[in-house]
PDB file of all heavy atoms in Angstrom:
ATOM      1  N   VAL A   1     -11.433  -9.755   4.293  1.00  0.00           N
ATOM      2  CA  VAL A   1     -10.578  -9.348   3.171  1.00  0.00           C
ATOM      3  C   VAL A   1     -10.815  -7.891   2.808  1.00  0.00           C
ATOM      4  O   VAL A   1      -9.874  -7.081   2.708  1.00  0.00           O
ATOM      5  CB  VAL A   1     -10.831 -10.253   1.950  1.00  0.00           C
ATOM      6  CG1 VAL A   1     -10.088  -9.720   0.721  1.00  0.00           C
ATOM      7  CG2 VAL A   1     -10.397 -11.682   2.244  1.00  0.00           C
ATOM      8  N   TYR A   2     -12.084  -7.523   2.611  1.00  0.00           N
ATOM      9  CA  TYR A   2     -12.382  -6.204   2.060  1.00  0.00           C
ATOM     10  C   TYR A   2     -12.259  -5.093   3.093  1.00  0.00           C
ATOM     11  O   TYR A   2     -11.818  -3.981   2.771  1.00  0.00           O
ATOM     12  CB  TYR A   2     -13.785  -6.207   1.444  1.00  0.00           C
ATOM     13  CG  TYR A   2     -13.955  -7.217   0.331  1.00  0.00           C
ATOM     14  CD1 TYR A   2     -15.161  -7.902   0.153  1.00  0.00           C
ATOM     15  CD2 TYR A   2     -12.897  -7.518  -0.525  1.00  0.00           C
ATOM     16  CE1 TYR A   2     -15.313  -8.841  -0.854  1.00  0.00           C
ATOM     17  CE2 TYR A   2     -13.049  -8.456  -1.540  1.00  0.00           C
ATOM     18  CZ  TYR A   2     -14.263  -9.110  -1.700  1.00  0.00           C
ATOM     19  OH  TYR A   2     -14.408 -10.042  -2.699  1.00  0.00           O
ATOM     20  N   VAL A   3     -12.648  -5.363   4.347  1.00  0.00           N
ATOM     21  CA  VAL A   3     -12.476  -4.350   5.392  1.00  0.00           C
ATOM     22  C   VAL A   3     -10.997  -4.029   5.574  1.00  0.00           C
ATOM     23  O   VAL A   3     -10.594  -2.853   5.641  1.00  0.00           O
ATOM     24  CB  VAL A   3     -13.097  -4.818   6.721  1.00  0.00           C
ATOM     25  CG1 VAL A   3     -12.626  -3.936   7.872  1.00  0.00           C
ATOM     26  CG2 VAL A   3     -14.622  -4.779   6.649  1.00  0.00           C
ATOM     27  N   THR A   4     -10.177  -5.068   5.633  1.00  0.00           N
ATOM     28  CA  THR A   4      -8.739  -4.844   5.771  1.00  0.00           C
ATOM     29  C   THR A   4      -8.191  -4.066   4.584  1.00  0.00           C
ATOM     30  O   THR A   4      -7.425  -3.110   4.755  1.00  0.00           O
ATOM     31  CB  THR A   4      -8.001  -6.187   5.897  1.00  0.00           C
ATOM     32  OG1 THR A   4      -8.536  -6.925   6.995  1.00  0.00           O
ATOM     33  CG2 THR A   4      -6.513  -5.968   6.113  1.00  0.00           C
ATOM     34  N   SER A   5      -8.560  -4.474   3.388  1.00  0.00           N
ATOM     35  CA  SER A   5      -8.092  -3.783   2.181  1.00  0.00           C
ATOM     36  C   SER A   5      -8.479  -2.314   2.218  1.00  0.00           C
ATOM     37  O   SER A   5      -7.657  -1.427   1.934  1.00  0.00           O
ATOM     38  CB  SER A   5      -8.676  -4.460   0.939  1.00  0.00           C
ATOM     39  OG  SER A   5      -8.281  -5.811   0.844  1.00  0.00           O
ATOM     40  N   PHE A   6      -9.711  -2.028   2.575  1.00  0.00           N
ATOM     41  CA  PHE A   6     -10.224  -0.660   2.573  1.00  0.00           C
ATOM     42  C   PHE A   6      -9.581   0.190   3.667  1.00  0.00           C
ATOM     43  O   PHE A   6      -9.087   1.295   3.409  1.00  0.00           O
ATOM     44  CB  PHE A   6     -11.743  -0.701   2.745  1.00  0.00           C
ATOM     45  CG  PHE A   6     -12.400   0.646   2.762  1.00  0.00           C
ATOM     46  CD1 PHE A   6     -12.678   1.313   1.589  1.00  0.00           C
ATOM     47  CD2 PHE A   6     -12.754   1.250   3.971  1.00  0.00           C
ATOM     48  CE1 PHE A   6     -13.285   2.555   1.601  1.00  0.00           C
ATOM     49  CE2 PHE A   6     -13.363   2.489   3.992  1.00  0.00           C
ATOM     50  CZ  PHE A   6     -13.627   3.149   2.809  1.00  0.00           C
ATOM     51  N   PHE A   7      -9.564  -0.309   4.895  1.00  0.00           N
ATOM     52  CA  PHE A   7      -9.079   0.491   6.021  1.00  0.00           C
ATOM     53  C   PHE A   7      -7.564   0.701   5.975  1.00  0.00           C
ATOM     54  O   PHE A   7      -7.078   1.793   6.255  1.00  0.00           O
ATOM     55  CB  PHE A   7      -9.491  -0.146   7.351  1.00  0.00           C
ATOM     56  CG  PHE A   7     -10.914   0.140   7.736  1.00  0.00           C
ATOM     57  CD1 PHE A   7     -11.955  -0.615   7.234  1.00  0.00           C
ATOM     58  CD2 PHE A   7     -11.225   1.188   8.589  1.00  0.00           C
ATOM     59  CE1 PHE A   7     -13.277  -0.351   7.581  1.00  0.00           C
ATOM     60  CE2 PHE A   7     -12.543   1.471   8.938  1.00  0.00           C
ATOM     61  CZ  PHE A   7     -13.565   0.707   8.433  1.00  0.00           C
ATOM     62  N   VAL A   8      -6.817  -0.339   5.635  1.00  0.00           N
ATOM     63  CA  VAL A   8      -5.363  -0.174   5.530  1.00  0.00           C
ATOM     64  C   VAL A   8      -5.025   0.791   4.405  1.00  0.00           C
ATOM     65  O   VAL A   8      -4.141   1.650   4.549  1.00  0.00           O
ATOM     66  CB  VAL A   8      -4.671  -1.536   5.327  1.00  0.00           C
ATOM     67  CG1 VAL A   8      -3.190  -1.347   5.002  1.00  0.00           C
ATOM     68  CG2 VAL A   8      -4.823  -2.405   6.567  1.00  0.00           C
ATOM     69  N   ALA A   9      -5.704   0.678   3.283  1.00  0.00           N
ATOM     70  CA  ALA A   9      -5.458   1.603   2.170  1.00  0.00           C
ATOM     71  C   ALA A   9      -5.771   3.044   2.575  1.00  0.00           C
ATOM     72  O   ALA A   9      -5.037   3.976   2.197  1.00  0.00           O
ATOM     73  CB  ALA A   9      -6.298   1.197   0.962  1.00  0.00           C
ATOM     74  N   ALA A  10      -6.845   3.249   3.319  1.00  0.00           N
ATOM     75  CA  ALA A  10      -7.180   4.606   3.771  1.00  0.00           C
ATOM     76  C   ALA A  10      -6.102   5.140   4.710  1.00  0.00           C
ATOM     77  O   ALA A  10      -5.720   6.321   4.635  1.00  0.00           O
ATOM     78  CB  ALA A  10      -8.542   4.602   4.468  1.00  0.00           C
ATOM     79  N   ALA A  11      -5.588   4.281   5.592  1.00  0.00           N
ATOM     80  CA  ALA A  11      -4.567   4.718   6.548  1.00  0.00           C
ATOM     81  C   ALA A  11      -3.242   5.033   5.865  1.00  0.00           C
ATOM     82  O   ALA A  11      -2.498   5.917   6.304  1.00  0.00           O
ATOM     83  CB  ALA A  11      -4.363   3.647   7.613  1.00  0.00           C
ATOM     84  N   MET A  12      -2.924   4.337   4.773  1.00  0.00           N
ATOM     85  CA  MET A  12      -1.632   4.489   4.111  1.00  0.00           C
ATOM     86  C   MET A  12      -1.704   5.361   2.867  1.00  0.00           C
ATOM     87  O   MET A  12      -0.700   5.510   2.161  1.00  0.00           O
ATOM     88  CB  MET A  12      -1.092   3.099   3.733  1.00  0.00           C
ATOM     89  CG  MET A  12      -0.998   2.118   4.883  1.00  0.00           C
ATOM     90  SD  MET A  12      -0.021   2.750   6.272  1.00  0.00           S
ATOM     91  CE  MET A  12       1.631   2.656   5.583  1.00  0.00           C
ATOM     92  N   ALA A  13      -2.858   5.957   2.605  1.00  0.00           N
ATOM     93  CA  ALA A  13      -3.063   6.684   1.347  1.00  0.00           C
ATOM     94  C   ALA A  13      -2.048   7.791   1.128  1.00  0.00           C
ATOM     95  O   ALA A  13      -1.580   8.013   0.003  1.00  0.00           O
ATOM     96  CB  ALA A  13      -4.483   7.254   1.303  1.00  0.00           C
ATOM     97  N   MET A  14      -1.681   8.512   2.181  1.00  0.00           N
ATOM     98  CA  MET A  14      -0.808   9.670   2.056  1.00  0.00           C
ATOM     99  C   MET A  14       0.635   9.362   2.448  1.00  0.00           C
ATOM    100  O   MET A  14       1.440  10.285   2.597  1.00  0.00           O
ATOM    101  CB  MET A  14      -1.355  10.811   2.920  1.00  0.00           C
ATOM    102  CG  MET A  14      -2.798  11.200   2.600  1.00  0.00           C
ATOM    103  SD  MET A  14      -2.994  11.807   0.914  1.00  0.00           S
ATOM    104  CE  MET A  14      -2.021  13.296   0.989  1.00  0.00           C
ATOM    105  N   ARG A  15       0.979   8.100   2.616  1.00  0.00           N
ATOM    106  CA  ARG A  15       2.319   7.713   3.056  1.00  0.00           C
ATOM    107  C   ARG A  15       3.207   7.453   1.844  1.00  0.00           C
ATOM    108  O   ARG A  15       3.102   6.413   1.186  1.00  0.00           O
ATOM    109  CB  ARG A  15       2.239   6.453   3.914  1.00  0.00           C
ATOM    110  CG  ARG A  15       1.302   6.579   5.100  1.00  0.00           C
ATOM    111  CD  ARG A  15       2.050   7.081   6.296  1.00  0.00           C
ATOM    112  NE  ARG A  15       1.143   7.379   7.404  1.00  0.00           N
ATOM    113  CZ  ARG A  15       1.546   7.559   8.644  1.00  0.00           C
ATOM    114  NH1 ARG A  15       2.834   7.473   8.930  1.00  0.00           N
ATOM    115  NH2 ARG A  15       0.673   7.853   9.590  1.00  0.00           N
ATOM    116  N   ASN A  16       4.098   8.380   1.543  1.00  0.00           N
ATOM    117  CA  ASN A  16       4.967   8.215   0.378  1.00  0.00           C
ATOM    118  C   ASN A  16       5.880   7.001   0.507  1.00  0.00           C
ATOM    119  O   ASN A  16       6.172   6.330  -0.487  1.00  0.00           O
ATOM    120  CB  ASN A  16       5.803   9.474   0.167  1.00  0.00           C
ATOM    121  CG  ASN A  16       4.960  10.654  -0.295  1.00  0.00           C
ATOM    122  OD1 ASN A  16       3.937  10.471  -0.947  1.00  0.00           O
ATOM    123  ND2 ASN A  16       5.374  11.860   0.053  1.00  0.00           N
ATOM    124  N   ASP A  17       6.328   6.697   1.740  1.00  0.00           N
ATOM    125  CA  ASP A  17       7.207   5.543   1.918  1.00  0.00           C
ATOM    126  C   ASP A  17       6.488   4.244   1.600  1.00  0.00           C
ATOM    127  O   ASP A  17       7.084   3.293   1.065  1.00  0.00           O
ATOM    128  CB  ASP A  17       7.778   5.513   3.331  1.00  0.00           C
ATOM    129  CG  ASP A  17       6.715   5.652   4.414  1.00  0.00           C
ATOM    130  OD1 ASP A  17       5.564   6.002   4.069  1.00  0.00           O
ATOM    131  OD2 ASP A  17       7.029   5.416   5.602  1.00  0.00           O
ATOM    132  N   TYR A  18       5.202   4.184   1.887  1.00  0.00           N
ATOM    133  CA  TYR A  18       4.390   3.007   1.561  1.00  0.00           C
ATOM    134  C   TYR A  18       4.307   2.817   0.052  1.00  0.00           C
ATOM    135  O   TYR A  18       4.533   1.714  -0.465  1.00  0.00           O
ATOM    136  CB  TYR A  18       3.000   3.182   2.180  1.00  0.00           C
ATOM    137  CG  TYR A  18       1.941   2.220   1.705  1.00  0.00           C
ATOM    138  CD1 TYR A  18       1.859   0.932   2.219  1.00  0.00           C
ATOM    139  CD2 TYR A  18       0.983   2.618   0.775  1.00  0.00           C
ATOM    140  CE1 TYR A  18       0.871   0.050   1.807  1.00  0.00           C
ATOM    141  CE2 TYR A  18      -0.014   1.754   0.354  1.00  0.00           C
ATOM    142  CZ  TYR A  18      -0.065   0.468   0.867  1.00  0.00           C
ATOM    143  OH  TYR A  18      -1.053  -0.396   0.455  1.00  0.00           O
ATOM    144  N   TRP A  19       4.005   3.885  -0.661  1.00  0.00           N
ATOM    145  CA  TRP A  19       3.902   3.794  -2.113  1.00  0.00           C
ATOM    146  C   TRP A  19       5.253   3.564  -2.763  1.00  0.00           C
ATOM    147  O   TRP A  19       5.351   2.861  -3.777  1.00  0.00           O
ATOM    148  CB  TRP A  19       3.212   5.035  -2.669  1.00  0.00           C
ATOM    149  CG  TRP A  19       1.754   5.038  -2.322  1.00  0.00           C
ATOM    150  CD1 TRP A  19       1.125   5.741  -1.337  1.00  0.00           C
ATOM    151  CD2 TRP A  19       0.749   4.238  -2.944  1.00  0.00           C
ATOM    152  NE1 TRP A  19      -0.210   5.432  -1.304  1.00  0.00           N
ATOM    153  CE2 TRP A  19      -0.480   4.523  -2.276  1.00  0.00           C
ATOM    154  CE3 TRP A  19       0.741   3.326  -3.983  1.00  0.00           C
ATOM    155  CZ2 TRP A  19      -1.666   3.912  -2.640  1.00  0.00           C
ATOM    156  CZ3 TRP A  19      -0.450   2.712  -4.344  1.00  0.00           C
ATOM    157  CH2 TRP A  19      -1.643   3.005  -3.665  1.00  0.00           C
ATOM    158  N   ASP A  20       6.302   4.121  -2.190  1.00  0.00           N
ATOM    159  CA  ASP A  20       7.646   3.839  -2.699  1.00  0.00           C
ATOM    160  C   ASP A  20       7.991   2.366  -2.559  1.00  0.00           C
ATOM    161  O   ASP A  20       8.609   1.764  -3.453  1.00  0.00           O
ATOM    162  CB  ASP A  20       8.689   4.684  -1.955  1.00  0.00           C
ATOM    163  CG  ASP A  20       8.602   6.166  -2.297  1.00  0.00           C
ATOM    164  OD1 ASP A  20       7.978   6.500  -3.328  1.00  0.00           O
ATOM    165  OD2 ASP A  20       9.144   6.985  -1.520  1.00  0.00           O
ATOM    166  N   ALA A  21       7.587   1.772  -1.433  1.00  0.00           N
ATOM    167  CA  ALA A  21       7.848   0.343  -1.227  1.00  0.00           C
ATOM    168  C   ALA A  21       7.083  -0.502  -2.248  1.00  0.00           C
ATOM    169  O   ALA A  21       7.611  -1.501  -2.758  1.00  0.00           O
ATOM    170  CB  ALA A  21       7.468  -0.054   0.195  1.00  0.00           C
ATOM    171  N   ILE A  22       5.844  -0.120  -2.550  1.00  0.00           N
ATOM    172  CA  ILE A  22       5.066  -0.845  -3.553  1.00  0.00           C
ATOM    173  C   ILE A  22       5.752  -0.759  -4.914  1.00  0.00           C
ATOM    174  O   ILE A  22       5.870  -1.759  -5.640  1.00  0.00           O
ATOM    175  CB  ILE A  22       3.626  -0.296  -3.606  1.00  0.00           C
ATOM    176  CG1 ILE A  22       2.836  -0.800  -2.400  1.00  0.00           C
ATOM    177  CG2 ILE A  22       2.929  -0.711  -4.906  1.00  0.00           C
ATOM    178  CD1 ILE A  22       1.409  -0.315  -2.348  1.00  0.00           C
ATOM    179  N   VAL A  23       6.212   0.442  -5.273  1.00  0.00           N
ATOM    180  CA  VAL A  23       6.907   0.604  -6.553  1.00  0.00           C
ATOM    181  C   VAL A  23       8.178  -0.244  -6.572  1.00  0.00           C
ATOM    182  O   VAL A  23       8.486  -0.922  -7.567  1.00  0.00           O
ATOM    183  CB  VAL A  23       7.225   2.091  -6.799  1.00  0.00           C
ATOM    184  CG1 VAL A  23       8.163   2.251  -7.994  1.00  0.00           C
ATOM    185  CG2 VAL A  23       5.939   2.873  -7.043  1.00  0.00           C
ATOM    186  N   ASN A  24       8.928  -0.233  -5.492  1.00  0.00           N
ATOM    187  CA  ASN A  24      10.193  -0.975  -5.444  1.00  0.00           C
ATOM    188  C   ASN A  24       9.999  -2.488  -5.512  1.00  0.00           C
ATOM    189  O   ASN A  24      10.877  -3.206  -6.002  1.00  0.00           O
ATOM    190  CB  ASN A  24      10.963  -0.616  -4.171  1.00  0.00           C
ATOM    191  CG  ASN A  24      11.460   0.815  -4.171  1.00  0.00           C
ATOM    192  OD1 ASN A  24      11.639   1.421  -5.244  1.00  0.00           O
ATOM    193  ND2 ASN A  24      11.670   1.378  -2.997  1.00  0.00           N
ATOM    194  N   MET A  25       8.851  -2.966  -5.043  1.00  0.00           N
ATOM    195  CA  MET A  25       8.604  -4.411  -5.016  1.00  0.00           C
ATOM    196  C   MET A  25       7.773  -4.882  -6.202  1.00  0.00           C
ATOM    197  O   MET A  25       7.338  -6.044  -6.238  1.00  0.00           O
ATOM    198  CB  MET A  25       7.907  -4.794  -3.711  1.00  0.00           C
ATOM    199  CG  MET A  25       8.731  -4.583  -2.452  1.00  0.00           C
ATOM    200  SD  MET A  25      10.323  -5.454  -2.495  1.00  0.00           S
ATOM    201  CE  MET A  25       9.785  -7.151  -2.515  1.00  0.00           C
ATOM    202  N   ARG A  26       7.557  -4.025  -7.182  1.00  0.00           N
ATOM    203  CA  ARG A  26       6.670  -4.392  -8.284  1.00  0.00           C
ATOM    204  C   ARG A  26       7.216  -5.561  -9.113  1.00  0.00           C
ATOM    205  O   ARG A  26       6.448  -6.430  -9.545  1.00  0.00           O
ATOM    206  CB  ARG A  26       6.400  -3.182  -9.187  1.00  0.00           C
ATOM    207  CG  ARG A  26       7.592  -2.702  -9.998  1.00  0.00           C
ATOM    208  CD  ARG A  26       7.293  -1.354 -10.645  1.00  0.00           C
ATOM    209  NE  ARG A  26       8.371  -0.937 -11.547  1.00  0.00           N
ATOM    210  CZ  ARG A  26       9.508  -0.371 -11.146  1.00  0.00           C
ATOM    211  NH1 ARG A  26       9.711  -0.157  -9.856  1.00  0.00           N
ATOM    212  NH2 ARG A  26      10.414  -0.017 -12.036  1.00  0.00           N
ATOM    213  N   ARG A  27       8.531  -5.623  -9.326  1.00  0.00           N
ATOM    214  CA  ARG A  27       9.094  -6.707 -10.142  1.00  0.00           C
ATOM    215  C   ARG A  27       8.997  -8.056  -9.439  1.00  0.00           C
ATOM    216  O   ARG A  27       8.497  -9.022 -10.045  1.00  0.00           O
ATOM    217  CB  ARG A  27      10.542  -6.382 -10.523  1.00  0.00           C
ATOM    218  CG  ARG A  27      10.668  -5.221 -11.495  1.00  0.00           C
ATOM    219  CD  ARG A  27      12.095  -5.062 -11.990  1.00  0.00           C
ATOM    220  NE  ARG A  27      12.236  -3.907 -12.860  1.00  0.00           N
ATOM    221  CZ  ARG A  27      12.555  -2.691 -12.451  1.00  0.00           C
ATOM    222  NH1 ARG A  27      12.777  -2.465 -11.146  1.00  0.00           N
ATOM    223  NH2 ARG A  27      12.663  -1.693 -13.296  1.00  0.00           N
ATOM    224  N   PRO A  28       9.490  -8.193  -8.194  1.00  0.00           N
ATOM    225  CA  PRO A  28       9.297  -9.498  -7.526  1.00  0.00           C
ATOM    226  C   PRO A  28       7.825  -9.856  -7.359  1.00  0.00           C
ATOM    227  O   PRO A  28       7.460 -11.041  -7.416  1.00  0.00           O
ATOM    228  CB  PRO A  28       9.992  -9.313  -6.171  1.00  0.00           C
ATOM    229  CG  PRO A  28      10.242  -7.861  -6.016  1.00  0.00           C
ATOM    230  CD  PRO A  28      10.320  -7.290  -7.386  1.00  0.00           C
ATOM    231  N   ALA A  29       6.969  -8.846  -7.169  1.00  0.00           N
ATOM    232  CA  ALA A  29       5.533  -9.128  -7.061  1.00  0.00           C
ATOM    233  C   ALA A  29       4.999  -9.698  -8.366  1.00  0.00           C
ATOM    234  O   ALA A  29       4.205 -10.656  -8.368  1.00  0.00           O
ATOM    235  CB  ALA A  29       4.776  -7.854  -6.687  1.00  0.00           C
TER     236      ALA A  29
END
């Protein structure tokens, strides 16, 4: 759980499209 959480977050940290998707899915989430 934690290795995946940490490594994926590090890989996607600078990806604006990733963060935009998180913002867009906040209501259904």
